[in-house]
Amino acid sequence: MILVHQRYAAKPGLGERVLETRIEASRRLAELGVPAGRIWVPAGRDAGLDQGDAADVIWECTYADLRERERIRALQEGDAVFAAIRARQGGQLVRWSREHYRLVEW
């Protein structure tokens, strides 16, 4: 199993817009018939906790294997609607990262 983990750090004042755009991107993935993933925001946002340098939004999704991940990535990259959402998202960010993890069976 593969976990894709993406972190979004918003430009000042754009945290909610980054979240809205990530939700829009996930809805588009669902429309394409692929996993939409899960979206997380810092718990401290609501609880007054010090989150340090936490991302404003995290998106994660799991796939059976890297081949499935690459198949879905090619599909979304070939979609003009998704590409437009991603381009808009890029203008809202100061930092973005994507990490891939594999599950360790023990």
PDB file of N, CA and C in Angstrom:
ATOM      1  N   MET A   1       0.845  -1.173   0.000  1.00  0.00           N
ATOM      2  CA  MET A   1       0.000   0.000   0.000  1.00  0.00           C
ATOM      3  C   MET A   1       0.895   1.242   0.000  1.00  0.00           C
ATOM      4  N   ILE A   2       0.464   2.259  -0.711  1.00  0.00           N
ATOM      5  CA  ILE A   2       1.184   3.526  -0.831  1.00  0.00           C
ATOM      6  C   ILE A   2       0.317   4.646  -0.261  1.00  0.00           C
ATOM      7  N   LEU A   3       0.938   5.481   0.555  1.00  0.00           N
ATOM      8  CA  LEU A   3       0.290   6.673   1.088  1.00  0.00           C
ATOM      9  C   LEU A   3       0.936   7.881   0.425  1.00  0.00           C
ATOM     10  N   VAL A   4       0.120   8.744  -0.145  1.00  0.00           N
ATOM     11  CA  VAL A   4       0.598  10.023  -0.669  1.00  0.00           C
ATOM     12  C   VAL A   4       0.141  11.085   0.315  1.00  0.00           C
ATOM     13  N   HIS A   5       1.093  11.911   0.717  1.00  0.00           N
ATOM     14  CA  HIS A   5       0.850  12.923   1.737  1.00  0.00           C
ATOM     15  C   HIS A   5       1.300  14.260   1.168  1.00  0.00           C
ATOM     16  N   GLN A   6       0.382  15.215   1.030  1.00  0.00           N
ATOM     17  CA  GLN A   6       0.715  16.529   0.481  1.00  0.00           C
ATOM     18  C   GLN A   6       0.439  17.590   1.538  1.00  0.00           C
ATOM     19  N   ARG A   7       1.375  18.511   1.675  1.00  0.00           N
ATOM     20  CA  ARG A   7       1.271  19.594   2.655  1.00  0.00           C
ATOM     21  C   ARG A   7       1.186  20.930   1.924  1.00  0.00           C
ATOM     22  N   TYR A   8       0.230  21.744   2.337  1.00  0.00           N
ATOM     23  CA  TYR A   8      -0.004  23.042   1.725  1.00  0.00           C
ATOM     24  C   TYR A   8       0.191  24.143   2.766  1.00  0.00           C
ATOM     25  N   ALA A   9       1.115  25.070   2.515  1.00  0.00           N
ATOM     26  CA  ALA A   9       1.332  26.235   3.371  1.00  0.00           C
ATOM     27  C   ALA A   9       0.853  27.466   2.606  1.00  0.00           C
ATOM     28  N   ALA A  10      -0.166  28.098   3.133  1.00  0.00           N
ATOM     29  CA  ALA A  10      -0.824  29.212   2.449  1.00  0.00           C
ATOM     30  C   ALA A  10      -0.041  30.513   2.561  1.00  0.00           C
ATOM     31  N   LYS A  11      -0.187  31.340   1.530  1.00  0.00           N
ATOM     32  CA  LYS A  11       0.279  32.716   1.633  1.00  0.00           C
ATOM     33  C   LYS A  11      -0.542  33.385   2.735  1.00  0.00           C
ATOM     34  N   PRO A  12      -0.002  34.423   3.373  1.00  0.00           N
ATOM     35  CA  PRO A  12      -0.729  35.097   4.457  1.00  0.00           C
ATOM     36  C   PRO A  12      -2.155  35.470   4.056  1.00  0.00           C
ATOM     37  N   GLY A  13      -3.091  35.105   4.908  1.00  0.00           N
ATOM     38  CA  GLY A  13      -4.495  35.435   4.695  1.00  0.00           C
ATOM     39  C   GLY A  13      -5.243  34.516   3.746  1.00  0.00           C
ATOM     40  N   LEU A  14      -4.577  33.505   3.171  1.00  0.00           N
ATOM     41  CA  LEU A  14      -5.223  32.650   2.178  1.00  0.00           C
ATOM     42  C   LEU A  14      -5.499  31.227   2.673  1.00  0.00           C
ATOM     43  N   GLY A  15      -5.387  30.992   3.968  1.00  0.00           N
ATOM     44  CA  GLY A  15      -5.590  29.648   4.499  1.00  0.00           C
ATOM     45  C   GLY A  15      -6.936  29.043   4.136  1.00  0.00           C
ATOM     46  N   GLU A  16      -8.008  29.803   4.282  1.00  0.00           N
ATOM     47  CA  GLU A  16      -9.339  29.273   3.964  1.00  0.00           C
ATOM     48  C   GLU A  16      -9.498  29.045   2.463  1.00  0.00           C
ATOM     49  N   ARG A  17      -8.901  29.915   1.661  1.00  0.00           N
ATOM     50  CA  ARG A  17      -8.976  29.744   0.210  1.00  0.00           C
ATOM     51  C   ARG A  17      -8.222  28.484  -0.217  1.00  0.00           C
ATOM     52  N   VAL A  18      -7.088  28.213   0.407  1.00  0.00           N
ATOM     53  CA  VAL A  18      -6.337  26.992   0.113  1.00  0.00           C
ATOM     54  C   VAL A  18      -7.189  25.768   0.439  1.00  0.00           C
ATOM     55  N   LEU A  19      -7.856  25.803   1.585  1.00  0.00           N
ATOM     56  CA  LEU A  19      -8.733  24.690   1.955  1.00  0.00           C
ATOM     57  C   LEU A  19      -9.868  24.527   0.945  1.00  0.00           C
ATOM     58  N   GLU A  20     -10.521  25.608   0.575  1.00  0.00           N
ATOM     59  CA  GLU A  20     -11.618  25.544  -0.399  1.00  0.00           C
ATOM     60  C   GLU A  20     -11.141  24.987  -1.737  1.00  0.00           C
ATOM     61  N   THR A  21      -9.960  25.399  -2.167  1.00  0.00           N
ATOM     62  CA  THR A  21      -9.435  24.922  -3.446  1.00  0.00           C
ATOM     63  C   THR A  21      -9.070  23.444  -3.368  1.00  0.00           C
ATOM     64  N   ARG A  22      -8.535  22.998  -2.242  1.00  0.00           N
ATOM     65  CA  ARG A  22      -8.208  21.569  -2.081  1.00  0.00           C
ATOM     66  C   ARG A  22      -9.481  20.734  -2.084  1.00  0.00           C
ATOM     67  N   ILE A  23     -10.543  21.235  -1.465  1.00  0.00           N
ATOM     68  CA  ILE A  23     -11.833  20.538  -1.500  1.00  0.00           C
ATOM     69  C   ILE A  23     -12.331  20.456  -2.939  1.00  0.00           C
ATOM     70  N   GLU A  24     -12.215  21.537  -3.686  1.00  0.00           N
ATOM     71  CA  GLU A  24     -12.615  21.541  -5.101  1.00  0.00           C
ATOM     72  C   GLU A  24     -11.822  20.507  -5.892  1.00  0.00           C
ATOM     73  N   ALA A  25     -10.515  20.430  -5.642  1.00  0.00           N
ATOM     74  CA  ALA A  25      -9.679  19.448  -6.340  1.00  0.00           C
ATOM     75  C   ALA A  25     -10.107  18.025  -5.996  1.00  0.00           C
ATOM     76  N   SER A  26     -10.414  17.780  -4.740  1.00  0.00           N
ATOM     77  CA  SER A  26     -10.848  16.442  -4.334  1.00  0.00           C
ATOM     78  C   SER A  26     -12.195  16.085  -4.960  1.00  0.00           C
ATOM     79  N   ARG A  27     -13.078  17.042  -5.041  1.00  0.00           N
ATOM     80  CA  ARG A  27     -14.372  16.795  -5.714  1.00  0.00           C
ATOM     81  C   ARG A  27     -14.149  16.441  -7.176  1.00  0.00           C
ATOM     82  N   ARG A  28     -13.198  17.120  -7.810  1.00  0.00           N
ATOM     83  CA  ARG A  28     -12.907  16.811  -9.214  1.00  0.00           C
ATOM     84  C   ARG A  28     -12.360  15.398  -9.353  1.00  0.00           C
ATOM     85  N   LEU A  29     -11.494  14.985  -8.435  1.00  0.00           N
ATOM     86  CA  LEU A  29     -10.998  13.607  -8.475  1.00  0.00           C
ATOM     87  C   LEU A  29     -12.156  12.616  -8.382  1.00  0.00           C
ATOM     88  N   ALA A  30     -13.091  12.879  -7.485  1.00  0.00           N
ATOM     89  CA  ALA A  30     -14.258  11.995  -7.350  1.00  0.00           C
ATOM     90  C   ALA A  30     -15.057  11.954  -8.651  1.00  0.00           C
ATOM     91  N   GLU A  31     -15.219  13.107  -9.302  1.00  0.00           N
ATOM     92  CA  GLU A  31     -15.924  13.151 -10.589  1.00  0.00           C
ATOM     93  C   GLU A  31     -15.206  12.321 -11.644  1.00  0.00           C
ATOM     94  N   LEU A  32     -13.880  12.246 -11.545  1.00  0.00           N
ATOM     95  CA  LEU A  32     -13.097  11.447 -12.493  1.00  0.00           C
ATOM     96  C   LEU A  32     -13.146   9.958 -12.150  1.00  0.00           C
ATOM     97  N   GLY A  33     -13.773   9.621 -11.037  1.00  0.00           N
ATOM     98  CA  GLY A  33     -13.909   8.226 -10.649  1.00  0.00           C
ATOM     99  C   GLY A  33     -12.687   7.636  -9.969  1.00  0.00           C
ATOM    100  N   VAL A  34     -11.862   8.494  -9.369  1.00  0.00           N
ATOM    101  CA  VAL A  34     -10.669   8.028  -8.661  1.00  0.00           C
ATOM    102  C   VAL A  34     -10.770   8.460  -7.198  1.00  0.00           C
ATOM    103  N   PRO A  35      -9.954   7.888  -6.332  1.00  0.00           N
ATOM    104  CA  PRO A  35     -10.030   8.265  -4.921  1.00  0.00           C
ATOM    105  C   PRO A  35      -9.832   9.773  -4.718  1.00  0.00           C
ATOM    106  N   ALA A  36     -10.684  10.345  -3.887  1.00  0.00           N
ATOM    107  CA  ALA A  36     -10.641  11.782  -3.624  1.00  0.00           C
ATOM    108  C   ALA A  36      -9.702  12.132  -2.481  1.00  0.00           C
ATOM    109  N   GLY A  37      -9.287  11.153  -1.697  1.00  0.00           N
ATOM    110  CA  GLY A  37      -8.392  11.396  -0.583  1.00  0.00           C
ATOM    111  C   GLY A  37      -9.111  11.986   0.613  1.00  0.00           C
ATOM    112  N   ARG A  38      -8.308  12.309   1.619  1.00  0.00           N
ATOM    113  CA  ARG A  38      -8.818  12.905   2.851  1.00  0.00           C
ATOM    114  C   ARG A  38      -8.087  14.209   3.093  1.00  0.00           C
ATOM    115  N   ILE A  39      -8.800  15.183   3.657  1.00  0.00           N
ATOM    116  CA  ILE A  39      -8.252  16.516   3.894  1.00  0.00           C
ATOM    117  C   ILE A  39      -8.218  16.767   5.393  1.00  0.00           C
ATOM    118  N   TRP A  40      -7.070  17.273   5.851  1.00  0.00           N
ATOM    119  CA  TRP A  40      -6.871  17.567   7.260  1.00  0.00           C
ATOM    120  C   TRP A  40      -6.466  19.028   7.432  1.00  0.00           C
ATOM    121  N   VAL A  41      -6.890  19.636   8.544  1.00  0.00           N
ATOM    122  CA  VAL A  41      -6.416  20.958   8.943  1.00  0.00           C
ATOM    123  C   VAL A  41      -5.915  20.845  10.380  1.00  0.00           C
ATOM    124  N   PRO A  42      -5.033  21.741  10.806  1.00  0.00           N
ATOM    125  CA  PRO A  42      -4.492  21.654  12.161  1.00  0.00           C
ATOM    126  C   PRO A  42      -5.592  21.712  13.225  1.00  0.00           C
ATOM    127  N   ALA A  43      -5.494  20.818  14.199  1.00  0.00           N
ATOM    128  CA  ALA A  43      -6.456  20.794  15.305  1.00  0.00           C
ATOM    129  C   ALA A  43      -6.370  22.088  16.110  1.00  0.00           C
ATOM    130  N   GLY A  44      -5.196  22.670  16.164  1.00  0.00           N
ATOM    131  CA  GLY A  44      -4.993  23.893  16.920  1.00  0.00           C
ATOM    132  C   GLY A  44      -5.787  25.065  16.402  1.00  0.00           C
ATOM    133  N   ARG A  45      -6.202  24.981  15.152  1.00  0.00           N
ATOM    134  CA  ARG A  45      -6.992  26.057  14.554  1.00  0.00           C
ATOM    135  C   ARG A  45      -8.269  26.283  15.360  1.00  0.00           C
ATOM    136  N   ASP A  46      -8.849  25.212  15.867  1.00  0.00           N
ATOM    137  CA  ASP A  46     -10.091  25.306  16.625  1.00  0.00           C
ATOM    138  C   ASP A  46      -9.882  25.239  18.136  1.00  0.00           C
ATOM    139  N   ALA A  47      -8.771  24.663  18.571  1.00  0.00           N
ATOM    140  CA  ALA A  47      -8.574  24.399  20.000  1.00  0.00           C
ATOM    141  C   ALA A  47      -7.576  25.334  20.676  1.00  0.00           C
ATOM    142  N   GLY A  48      -7.017  26.271  19.943  1.00  0.00           N
ATOM    143  CA  GLY A  48      -6.058  27.184  20.541  1.00  0.00           C
ATOM    144  C   GLY A  48      -4.716  26.538  20.851  1.00  0.00           C
ATOM    145  N   LEU A  49      -4.405  25.401  20.238  1.00  0.00           N
ATOM    146  CA  LEU A  49      -3.128  24.724  20.469  1.00  0.00           C
ATOM    147  C   LEU A  49      -2.036  25.365  19.634  1.00  0.00           C
ATOM    148  N   ASP A  50      -0.826  25.357  20.154  1.00  0.00           N
ATOM    149  CA  ASP A  50       0.317  25.844  19.391  1.00  0.00           C
ATOM    150  C   ASP A  50       0.708  24.763  18.391  1.00  0.00           C
ATOM    151  N   GLN A  51       0.539  25.026  17.129  1.00  0.00           N
ATOM    152  CA  GLN A  51       0.841  24.051  16.083  1.00  0.00           C
ATOM    153  C   GLN A  51       2.207  24.301  15.452  1.00  0.00           C
ATOM    154  N   GLY A  52       2.925  25.269  15.954  1.00  0.00           N
ATOM    155  CA  GLY A  52       4.255  25.543  15.409  1.00  0.00           C
ATOM    156  C   GLY A  52       4.195  25.896  13.943  1.00  0.00           C
ATOM    157  N   ASP A  53       4.950  25.171  13.127  1.00  0.00           N
ATOM    158  CA  ASP A  53       5.051  25.443  11.692  1.00  0.00           C
ATOM    159  C   ASP A  53       4.183  24.479  10.885  1.00  0.00           C
ATOM    160  N   ALA A  54       3.027  24.120  11.431  1.00  0.00           N
ATOM    161  CA  ALA A  54       2.148  23.151  10.768  1.00  0.00           C
ATOM    162  C   ALA A  54       1.643  23.678   9.431  1.00  0.00           C
ATOM    163  N   ALA A  55       1.398  22.757   8.520  1.00  0.00           N
ATOM    164  CA  ALA A  55       0.786  23.111   7.233  1.00  0.00           C
ATOM    165  C   ALA A  55      -0.633  23.605   7.485  1.00  0.00           C
ATOM    166  N   ASP A  56      -1.138  24.436   6.587  1.00  0.00           N
ATOM    167  CA  ASP A  56      -2.514  24.905   6.699  1.00  0.00           C
ATOM    168  C   ASP A  56      -3.506  23.825   6.293  1.00  0.00           C
ATOM    169  N   VAL A  57      -3.095  22.990   5.346  1.00  0.00           N
ATOM    170  CA  VAL A  57      -3.940  21.904   4.841  1.00  0.00           C
ATOM    171  C   VAL A  57      -3.035  20.721   4.529  1.00  0.00           C
ATOM    172  N   ILE A  58      -3.523  19.535   4.845  1.00  0.00           N
ATOM    173  CA  ILE A  58      -2.853  18.299   4.439  1.00  0.00           C
ATOM    174  C   ILE A  58      -3.865  17.469   3.674  1.00  0.00           C
ATOM    175  N   TRP A  59      -3.434  16.929   2.557  1.00  0.00           N
ATOM    176  CA  TRP A  59      -4.254  15.988   1.780  1.00  0.00           C
ATOM    177  C   TRP A  59      -3.506  14.673   1.767  1.00  0.00           C
ATOM    178  N   GLU A  60      -4.241  13.582   1.974  1.00  0.00           N
ATOM    179  CA  GLU A  60      -3.620  12.268   1.903  1.00  0.00           C
ATOM    180  C   GLU A  60      -4.544  11.314   1.173  1.00  0.00           C
ATOM    181  N   CYS A  61      -3.928  10.327   0.550  1.00  0.00           N
ATOM    182  CA  CYS A  61      -4.692   9.323  -0.173  1.00  0.00           C
ATOM    183  C   CYS A  61      -3.858   8.047  -0.231  1.00  0.00           C
ATOM    184  N   THR A  62      -4.533   6.910  -0.200  1.00  0.00           N
ATOM    185  CA  THR A  62      -3.825   5.640  -0.290  1.00  0.00           C
ATOM    186  C   THR A  62      -4.165   4.951  -1.602  1.00  0.00           C
ATOM    187  N   TYR A  63      -3.190   4.178  -2.065  1.00  0.00           N
ATOM    188  CA  TYR A  63      -3.299   3.438  -3.323  1.00  0.00           C
ATOM    189  C   TYR A  63      -2.751   2.036  -3.094  1.00  0.00           C
ATOM    190  N   ALA A  64      -3.197   1.102  -3.894  1.00  0.00           N
ATOM    191  CA  ALA A  64      -2.750  -0.283  -3.747  1.00  0.00           C
ATOM    192  C   ALA A  64      -1.246  -0.416  -3.937  1.00  0.00           C
ATOM    193  N   ASP A  65      -0.705   0.323  -4.916  1.00  0.00           N
ATOM    194  CA  ASP A  65       0.730   0.244  -5.204  1.00  0.00           C
ATOM    195  C   ASP A  65       1.134   1.464  -6.033  1.00  0.00           C
ATOM    196  N   LEU A  66       2.422   1.593  -6.314  1.00  0.00           N
ATOM    197  CA  LEU A  66       2.911   2.745  -7.079  1.00  0.00           C
ATOM    198  C   LEU A  66       2.373   2.782  -8.497  1.00  0.00           C
ATOM    199  N   ARG A  67       2.181   1.628  -9.098  1.00  0.00           N
ATOM    200  CA  ARG A  67       1.638   1.602 -10.454  1.00  0.00           C
ATOM    201  C   ARG A  67       0.231   2.207 -10.486  1.00  0.00           C
ATOM    202  N   GLU A  68      -0.601   1.879  -9.500  1.00  0.00           N
ATOM    203  CA  GLU A  68      -1.949   2.455  -9.413  1.00  0.00           C
ATOM    204  C   GLU A  68      -1.864   3.957  -9.168  1.00  0.00           C
ATOM    205  N   ARG A  69      -0.966   4.374  -8.312  1.00  0.00           N
ATOM    206  CA  ARG A  69      -0.783   5.805  -8.049  1.00  0.00           C
ATOM    207  C   ARG A  69      -0.406   6.544  -9.321  1.00  0.00           C
ATOM    208  N   GLU A  70       0.519   5.998 -10.083  1.00  0.00           N
ATOM    209  CA  GLU A  70       0.956   6.652 -11.314  1.00  0.00           C
ATOM    210  C   GLU A  70      -0.155   6.655 -12.371  1.00  0.00           C
ATOM    211  N   ARG A  71      -0.945   5.618 -12.436  1.00  0.00           N
ATOM    212  CA  ARG A  71      -2.069   5.582 -13.377  1.00  0.00           C
ATOM    213  C   ARG A  71      -3.052   6.702 -13.066  1.00  0.00           C
ATOM    214  N   ILE A  72      -3.382   6.859 -11.804  1.00  0.00           N
ATOM    215  CA  ILE A  72      -4.338   7.896 -11.398  1.00  0.00           C
ATOM    216  C   ILE A  72      -3.717   9.282 -11.576  1.00  0.00           C
ATOM    217  N   ARG A  73      -2.453   9.419 -11.261  1.00  0.00           N
ATOM    218  CA  ARG A  73      -1.788  10.715 -11.433  1.00  0.00           C
ATOM    219  C   ARG A  73      -1.796  11.131 -12.901  1.00  0.00           C
ATOM    220  N   ALA A  74      -1.545  10.208 -13.803  1.00  0.00           N
ATOM    221  CA  ALA A  74      -1.573  10.516 -15.236  1.00  0.00           C
ATOM    222  C   ALA A  74      -2.976  10.942 -15.670  1.00  0.00           C
ATOM    223  N   LEU A  75      -3.992  10.291 -15.133  1.00  0.00           N
ATOM    224  CA  LEU A  75      -5.377  10.638 -15.450  1.00  0.00           C
ATOM    225  C   LEU A  75      -5.679  12.065 -14.998  1.00  0.00           C
ATOM    226  N   GLN A  76      -5.326  12.399 -13.769  1.00  0.00           N
ATOM    227  CA  GLN A  76      -5.643  13.739 -13.271  1.00  0.00           C
ATOM    228  C   GLN A  76      -4.807  14.802 -13.972  1.00  0.00           C
ATOM    229  N   GLU A  77      -3.564  14.494 -14.304  1.00  0.00           N
ATOM    230  CA  GLU A  77      -2.736  15.471 -15.004  1.00  0.00           C
ATOM    231  C   GLU A  77      -3.220  15.715 -16.429  1.00  0.00           C
ATOM    232  N   GLY A  78      -3.915  14.755 -17.005  1.00  0.00           N
ATOM    233  CA  GLY A  78      -4.464  14.913 -18.338  1.00  0.00           C
ATOM    234  C   GLY A  78      -5.818  15.597 -18.369  1.00  0.00           C
ATOM    235  N   ASP A  79      -6.346  15.948 -17.202  1.00  0.00           N
ATOM    236  CA  ASP A  79      -7.660  16.573 -17.103  1.00  0.00           C
ATOM    237  C   ASP A  79      -7.502  18.091 -17.013  1.00  0.00           C
ATOM    238  N   ALA A  80      -8.071  18.814 -17.969  1.00  0.00           N
ATOM    239  CA  ALA A  80      -7.917  20.272 -18.021  1.00  0.00           C
ATOM    240  C   ALA A  80      -8.546  20.956 -16.809  1.00  0.00           C
ATOM    241  N   VAL A  81      -9.662  20.452 -16.323  1.00  0.00           N
ATOM    242  CA  VAL A  81     -10.320  21.059 -15.159  1.00  0.00           C
ATOM    243  C   VAL A  81      -9.426  20.923 -13.930  1.00  0.00           C
ATOM    244  N   PHE A  82      -8.888  19.726 -13.703  1.00  0.00           N
ATOM    245  CA  PHE A  82      -8.007  19.514 -12.557  1.00  0.00           C
ATOM    246  C   PHE A  82      -6.749  20.369 -12.687  1.00  0.00           C
ATOM    247  N   ALA A  83      -6.198  20.473 -13.885  1.00  0.00           N
ATOM    248  CA  ALA A  83      -4.992  21.282 -14.101  1.00  0.00           C
ATOM    249  C   ALA A  83      -5.251  22.746 -13.753  1.00  0.00           C
ATOM    250  N   ALA A  84      -6.424  23.254 -14.100  1.00  0.00           N
ATOM    251  CA  ALA A  84      -6.759  24.644 -13.789  1.00  0.00           C
ATOM    252  C   ALA A  84      -6.883  24.850 -12.276  1.00  0.00           C
ATOM    253  N   ILE A  85      -7.472  23.894 -11.590  1.00  0.00           N
ATOM    254  CA  ILE A  85      -7.583  23.978 -10.128  1.00  0.00           C
ATOM    255  C   ILE A  85      -6.186  23.983  -9.511  1.00  0.00           C
ATOM    256  N   ARG A  86      -5.342  23.076  -9.979  1.00  0.00           N
ATOM    257  CA  ARG A  86      -3.979  22.984  -9.438  1.00  0.00           C
ATOM    258  C   ARG A  86      -3.192  24.264  -9.704  1.00  0.00           C
ATOM    259  N   ALA A  87      -3.354  24.869 -10.866  1.00  0.00           N
ATOM    260  CA  ALA A  87      -2.652  26.116 -11.176  1.00  0.00           C
ATOM    261  C   ALA A  87      -3.113  27.232 -10.239  1.00  0.00           C
ATOM    262  N   ARG A  88      -4.408  27.298  -9.996  1.00  0.00           N
ATOM    263  CA  ARG A  88      -4.942  28.305  -9.068  1.00  0.00           C
ATOM    264  C   ARG A  88      -4.395  28.066  -7.664  1.00  0.00           C
ATOM    265  N   GLN A  89      -4.354  26.798  -7.251  1.00  0.00           N
ATOM    266  CA  GLN A  89      -3.834  26.456  -5.924  1.00  0.00           C
ATOM    267  C   GLN A  89      -2.388  26.914  -5.777  1.00  0.00           C
ATOM    268  N   GLY A  90      -1.588  26.721  -6.815  1.00  0.00           N
ATOM    269  CA  GLY A  90      -0.186  27.120  -6.747  1.00  0.00           C
ATOM    270  C   GLY A  90       0.003  28.591  -6.432  1.00  0.00           C
ATOM    271  N   GLY A  91      -0.882  29.437  -6.908  1.00  0.00           N
ATOM    272  CA  GLY A  91      -0.802  30.864  -6.638  1.00  0.00           C
ATOM    273  C   GLY A  91      -1.189  31.247  -5.221  1.00  0.00           C
ATOM    274  N   GLN A  92      -1.725  30.312  -4.477  1.00  0.00           N
ATOM    275  CA  GLN A  92      -2.172  30.573  -3.104  1.00  0.00           C
ATOM    276  C   GLN A  92      -1.138  30.139  -2.067  1.00  0.00           C
ATOM    277  N   LEU A  93      -0.048  29.534  -2.521  1.00  0.00           N
ATOM    278  CA  LEU A  93       0.866  28.864  -1.597  1.00  0.00           C
ATOM    279  C   LEU A  93       2.235  29.521  -1.503  1.00  0.00           C
ATOM    280  N   VAL A  94       2.831  29.405  -0.310  1.00  0.00           N
ATOM    281  CA  VAL A  94       4.245  29.754  -0.147  1.00  0.00           C
ATOM    282  C   VAL A  94       5.092  28.490  -0.166  1.00  0.00           C
ATOM    283  N   ARG A  95       4.464  27.361   0.147  1.00  0.00           N
ATOM    284  CA  ARG A  95       5.199  26.098   0.167  1.00  0.00           C
ATOM    285  C   ARG A  95       4.227  24.944  -0.039  1.00  0.00           C
ATOM    286  N   TRP A  96       4.708  23.942  -0.763  1.00  0.00           N
ATOM    287  CA  TRP A  96       3.933  22.735  -1.017  1.00  0.00           C
ATOM    288  C   TRP A  96       4.906  21.568  -1.076  1.00  0.00           C
ATOM    289  N   SER A  97       4.499  20.437  -0.529  1.00  0.00           N
ATOM    290  CA  SER A  97       5.344  19.249  -0.645  1.00  0.00           C
ATOM    291  C   SER A  97       4.479  18.012  -0.816  1.00  0.00           C
ATOM    292  N   ARG A  98       5.058  17.021  -1.482  1.00  0.00           N
ATOM    293  CA  ARG A  98       4.389  15.738  -1.676  1.00  0.00           C
ATOM    294  C   ARG A  98       5.366  14.656  -1.243  1.00  0.00           C
ATOM    295  N   GLU A  99       4.878  13.732  -0.442  1.00  0.00           N
ATOM    296  CA  GLU A  99       5.677  12.611   0.037  1.00  0.00           C
ATOM    297  C   GLU A  99       4.940  11.320  -0.267  1.00  0.00           C
ATOM    298  N   HIS A 100       5.699  10.290  -0.580  1.00  0.00           N
ATOM    299  CA  HIS A 100       5.142   8.954  -0.812  1.00  0.00           C
ATOM    300  C   HIS A 100       5.702   8.010   0.250  1.00  0.00           C
ATOM    301  N   TYR A 101       4.833   7.241   0.857  1.00  0.00           N
ATOM    302  CA  TYR A 101       5.235   6.273   1.872  1.00  0.00           C
ATOM    303  C   TYR A 101       4.679   4.911   1.507  1.00  0.00           C
ATOM    304  N   ARG A 102       5.398   3.867   1.903  1.00  0.00           N
ATOM    305  CA  ARG A 102       4.884   2.510   1.742  1.00  0.00           C
ATOM    306  C   ARG A 102       4.613   1.948   3.123  1.00  0.00           C
ATOM    307  N   LEU A 103       3.603   1.135   3.217  1.00  0.00           N
ATOM    308  CA  LEU A 103       3.215   0.516   4.482  1.00  0.00           C
ATOM    309  C   LEU A 103       4.207  -0.572   4.853  1.00  0.00           C
ATOM    310  N   VAL A 104       4.645  -0.566   6.078  1.00  0.00           N
ATOM    311  CA  VAL A 104       5.532  -1.608   6.583  1.00  0.00           C
ATOM    312  C   VAL A 104       4.666  -2.662   7.276  1.00  0.00           C
ATOM    313  N   GLU A 105       4.680  -3.857   6.747  1.00  0.00           N
ATOM    314  CA  GLU A 105       3.943  -4.967   7.357  1.00  0.00           C
ATOM    315  C   GLU A 105       4.865  -5.631   8.351  1.00  0.00           C
ATOM    316  N   TRP A 106       4.482  -5.751   9.595  1.00  0.00           N
ATOM    317  CA  TRP A 106       5.344  -6.380  10.594  1.00  0.00           C
ATOM    318  C   TRP A 106       4.597  -7.399  11.413  1.00  0.00           C
TER     319      TRP A 106
END
